[in-house]
């Protein structure tokens, strides 16, 4: 999902568009981008730039237009300020230092995690100073492995308090280094056949 654009997209309007209108027909859409669910583009209707959120056949669905537009006017996909501003703020764009350098992930505290992420989302947790990913059910740390001083890789660390409800994955076991405190009102669920071992 995101903003889409193509080169040299040009056609004409085949239906009159009244102020406040939210759809219009084009003589051709062959040179315009294909818009999937959640995609959008910007089209210039002579003197107005319109955000188009769907193209079905020859019909474009758009946000309400400001002015009226007659049949036959030019409709183009230009490099507009609206397009550039959206592209610069697109949350799906990954900032990177170079093609072979590094990319920037979202950074935030545990409390700032997405409320309803989808499986595969990644972020850097500034509370835990670790990378984490969402598996479709819960957030979990990724990578990391053992740490140590200098080039040592000896220590696996975990915090000492369970502050959020957690359910061990069915058919899996879990291990923690104790002592462990489960905060008041917090529940750890160990499914039948699974074990949680504290050493």
Protein backbone atom coordinates (compact mmCIF):
# COMPACT_ATOMS: atom_id res chain seq x y z
CA UNK A 1 0.00 0.00 0.00
CA UNK A 2 1.26 3.43 -0.84
CA UNK A 3 1.49 6.21 -3.34
CA UNK A 4 1.84 5.17 -7.00
CA UNK A 5 3.00 7.06 -10.06
CA UNK A 6 3.99 6.44 -13.68
CA UNK A 7 5.66 8.43 -16.45
CA UNK A 8 3.84 10.39 -19.14
CA UNK A 9 0.31 9.56 -17.95
CA UNK A 10 -2.14 11.69 -19.95
CA UNK A 11 -5.79 11.46 -21.00
CA UNK A 12 -9.03 13.50 -21.03
CA UNK A 13 -12.14 13.71 -18.87
CA UNK A 14 -15.24 12.08 -20.40
CA UNK A 15 -17.77 13.02 -17.69
CA UNK A 16 -18.43 16.44 -16.22
CA UNK A 17 -17.36 16.74 -12.59
CA UNK A 18 -19.27 18.99 -10.17
CA UNK A 19 -17.70 20.59 -7.10
CA UNK A 20 -17.61 18.04 -4.30
CA UNK A 21 -17.69 15.13 -6.76
CA UNK A 22 -15.89 11.92 -5.82
CA UNK A 23 -15.63 10.06 -9.13
CA UNK A 24 -14.98 10.75 -12.79
CA UNK A 25 -14.45 8.87 -16.06
CA UNK A 26 -11.42 9.01 -18.36
CA UNK A 27 -11.03 8.27 -22.06
CA UNK A 28 -8.11 5.93 -21.23
CA UNK A 29 -6.29 4.66 -18.14
CA UNK A 30 -3.59 2.71 -20.00
CA UNK A 31 -0.72 4.98 -18.90
CA UNK A 32 -1.87 5.45 -15.30
CA UNK A 33 -0.68 3.30 -12.38
CA UNK A 34 -2.59 0.23 -11.23
CA UNK A 35 -3.99 0.94 -7.76
CA UNK A 36 -4.41 -1.89 -5.29
CA UNK A 37 -6.21 -1.73 -1.94
CA UNK A 38 -4.82 1.18 0.06
CA UNK A 39 -2.93 2.70 -2.90
CA UNK A 40 -3.43 6.21 -4.27
CA UNK A 41 -2.08 8.64 -6.86
CA UNK A 42 -2.58 12.30 -7.78
CA UNK A 43 -4.10 13.51 -11.04
CA UNK A 44 -4.13 17.08 -12.31
CA UNK A 45 -7.49 18.17 -13.71
CA UNK A 46 -6.28 21.32 -15.50
CA UNK A 47 -6.12 23.63 -12.46
CA UNK A 48 -6.79 21.22 -9.56
CA UNK A 49 -4.77 18.34 -8.13
CA UNK A 50 -7.01 15.45 -7.05
CA UNK A 51 -6.14 12.47 -4.86
CA UNK A 52 -7.36 9.31 -6.63
CA UNK A 53 -7.81 6.23 -4.42
CA UNK A 54 -9.15 3.70 -6.95
CA UNK A 55 -9.33 3.13 -10.71
CA UNK A 56 -12.00 0.66 -11.84
CA UNK A 57 -12.32 0.32 -15.59
CA UNK A 58 -12.29 3.92 -16.82
CA UNK A 59 -13.73 5.31 -13.57
CA UNK A 60 -11.58 7.02 -10.95
CA UNK A 61 -12.66 7.34 -7.32
CA UNK A 62 -11.23 10.43 -5.63
CA UNK A 63 -11.45 12.64 -2.59
CA UNK A 64 -14.06 15.41 -3.05
CA UNK A 65 -12.93 17.94 -5.64
CA UNK A 66 -12.99 21.68 -4.94
CA UNK A 67 -14.10 23.02 -8.31
CA UNK A 68 -16.23 21.89 -11.25
CA UNK A 69 -14.54 20.37 -14.31
CA UNK A 70 -16.08 20.05 -17.81
CA UNK A 71 -15.85 17.16 -20.26
CA UNK A 72 -12.76 17.12 -22.46
CA UNK A 73 -10.24 18.76 -20.13
CA UNK A 74 -6.75 17.33 -19.74
CA UNK A 75 -6.10 14.83 -16.98
CA UNK A 76 -2.43 14.19 -16.22
CA UNK A 77 -0.23 12.56 -13.62
CA UNK A 78 2.35 15.22 -12.89
CA UNK A 79 5.10 15.54 -10.30
CA UNK A 80 3.15 17.74 -7.87
CA UNK A 81 3.88 19.07 -4.39
CA UNK A 82 1.13 16.81 -3.01
CA UNK A 83 2.77 13.74 -4.53
CA UNK A 84 6.24 14.66 -3.28
CA UNK A 85 4.99 15.47 0.24
CA UNK A 86 3.13 12.15 0.46
CA UNK A 87 6.13 10.24 -0.84
CA UNK A 88 8.42 11.93 1.70
CA UNK A 89 6.10 11.01 4.58
CA UNK A 90 5.11 7.54 3.30
CA UNK A 91 5.30 5.22 6.34
CA UNK A 92 6.10 2.29 4.05
CA UNK A 93 9.26 3.89 2.67
CA UNK A 94 12.47 2.64 4.32
CA UNK A 95 15.15 5.25 4.94
CA UNK A 96 18.58 3.83 4.11
CA UNK A 97 22.11 5.12 4.04
CA UNK A 98 22.91 3.44 0.71
CA UNK A 99 22.06 0.37 -1.32
CA UNK A 100 24.51 -1.71 0.72
CA UNK A 101 24.48 0.27 3.97
CA UNK A 102 21.75 0.15 6.58
CA UNK A 103 18.04 0.88 6.82
CA UNK A 104 16.12 2.57 9.60
CA UNK A 105 13.46 0.68 11.56
CA UNK A 106 10.83 2.36 13.74
CA UNK A 107 12.14 3.01 17.28
CA UNK A 108 9.98 3.25 20.40
CA UNK A 109 9.28 2.02 23.89
CA UNK A 110 7.33 -1.09 24.80
CA UNK A 111 4.31 1.13 25.52
CA UNK A 112 4.53 2.64 22.02
CA UNK A 113 4.13 -0.66 20.16
CA UNK A 114 1.41 -0.85 17.47
CA UNK A 115 -1.95 -1.78 18.94
CA UNK A 116 -2.93 -4.07 16.06
CA UNK A 117 0.16 -5.00 14.02
CA UNK A 118 0.24 -7.79 11.46
CA UNK A 119 2.66 -10.71 11.37
CA UNK A 120 6.10 -9.74 10.11
CA UNK A 121 6.33 -6.22 11.56
CA UNK A 122 9.76 -5.28 12.96
CA UNK A 123 10.93 -2.48 15.29
CA UNK A 124 13.65 -1.53 17.77
CA UNK A 125 12.41 -1.55 21.36
CA UNK A 126 14.12 1.32 23.19
CA UNK A 127 12.86 0.06 26.57
CA UNK A 128 14.68 -3.27 26.16
CA UNK A 129 17.42 -2.01 23.80
CA UNK A 130 16.64 -4.90 21.44
CA UNK A 131 15.09 -5.65 18.08
CA UNK A 132 11.67 -7.28 18.10
CA UNK A 133 9.17 -8.71 15.66
CA UNK A 134 5.46 -9.55 15.70
CA UNK A 135 4.51 -13.14 14.86
CA UNK A 136 0.78 -12.55 14.49
CA UNK A 137 0.07 -13.14 18.18
CA UNK A 138 2.78 -11.46 20.25
CA UNK A 139 5.93 -9.36 20.08
CA UNK A 140 9.21 -11.22 20.59
CA UNK A 141 12.90 -10.43 20.48
CA UNK A 142 14.81 -11.29 17.32
CA UNK A 143 18.47 -11.95 16.69
CA UNK A 144 20.71 -10.98 19.54
CA UNK A 145 22.02 -14.28 20.85
CA UNK A 146 24.55 -14.22 23.66
CA UNK A 147 26.39 -11.05 24.66
CA UNK A 148 29.52 -10.27 26.64
CA UNK A 149 32.46 -7.94 27.09
CA UNK A 150 34.74 -7.38 24.11
CA UNK A 151 34.39 -10.33 21.75
CA UNK A 152 32.88 -12.60 24.46
CA UNK A 153 29.46 -14.11 23.73
CA UNK A 154 28.59 -15.85 27.00
CA UNK A 155 25.56 -14.23 28.63
CA UNK A 156 21.88 -14.65 27.77
CA UNK A 157 19.88 -12.10 29.71
CA UNK A 158 16.21 -11.75 30.61
CA UNK A 159 14.42 -9.23 32.78
CA UNK A 160 13.13 -10.25 36.22
CA UNK A 161 9.50 -9.12 36.11
CA UNK A 162 6.57 -10.24 33.95
CA UNK A 163 4.59 -7.04 33.39
CA UNK A 164 2.24 -8.13 30.57
CA UNK A 165 0.01 -11.19 30.14
CA UNK A 166 1.78 -13.89 28.18
CA UNK A 167 0.78 -17.29 26.80
CA UNK A 168 3.47 -19.81 25.92
CA UNK A 169 2.93 -21.13 22.40
CA UNK A 170 1.02 -24.44 22.40
CA UNK A 171 3.42 -27.33 21.90
CA UNK A 172 6.40 -25.24 23.02
CA UNK A 173 8.35 -24.93 26.25
CA UNK A 174 9.89 -21.80 27.78
CA UNK A 175 12.91 -21.16 30.01
CA UNK A 176 13.83 -18.15 32.14
CA UNK A 177 16.62 -17.31 34.56
CA UNK A 178 15.17 -16.57 38.01
CA UNK A 179 14.12 -15.15 40.24
CA UNK A 180 11.06 -14.05 38.29
CA UNK A 181 8.26 -11.85 39.65
CA UNK A 182 4.81 -11.87 38.03
CA UNK A 183 3.26 -8.46 38.63
CA UNK A 184 -0.18 -8.16 40.24
CA UNK A 185 -2.98 -8.67 37.71
CA UNK A 186 -0.64 -10.26 35.17
CA UNK A 187 -1.17 -13.84 33.97
CA UNK A 188 1.29 -16.29 32.42
CA UNK A 189 -0.53 -19.15 30.69
CA UNK A 190 1.25 -22.48 30.23
CA UNK A 191 -0.81 -24.69 27.86
CA UNK A 192 -1.38 -28.38 28.61
CA UNK A 193 1.70 -30.34 27.56
CA UNK A 194 3.98 -27.29 27.69
CA UNK A 195 6.51 -26.38 30.42
CA UNK A 196 7.96 -23.18 31.79
CA UNK A 197 11.27 -23.85 33.51
CA UNK A 198 12.91 -21.19 35.73
CA UNK A 199 16.56 -21.89 36.52
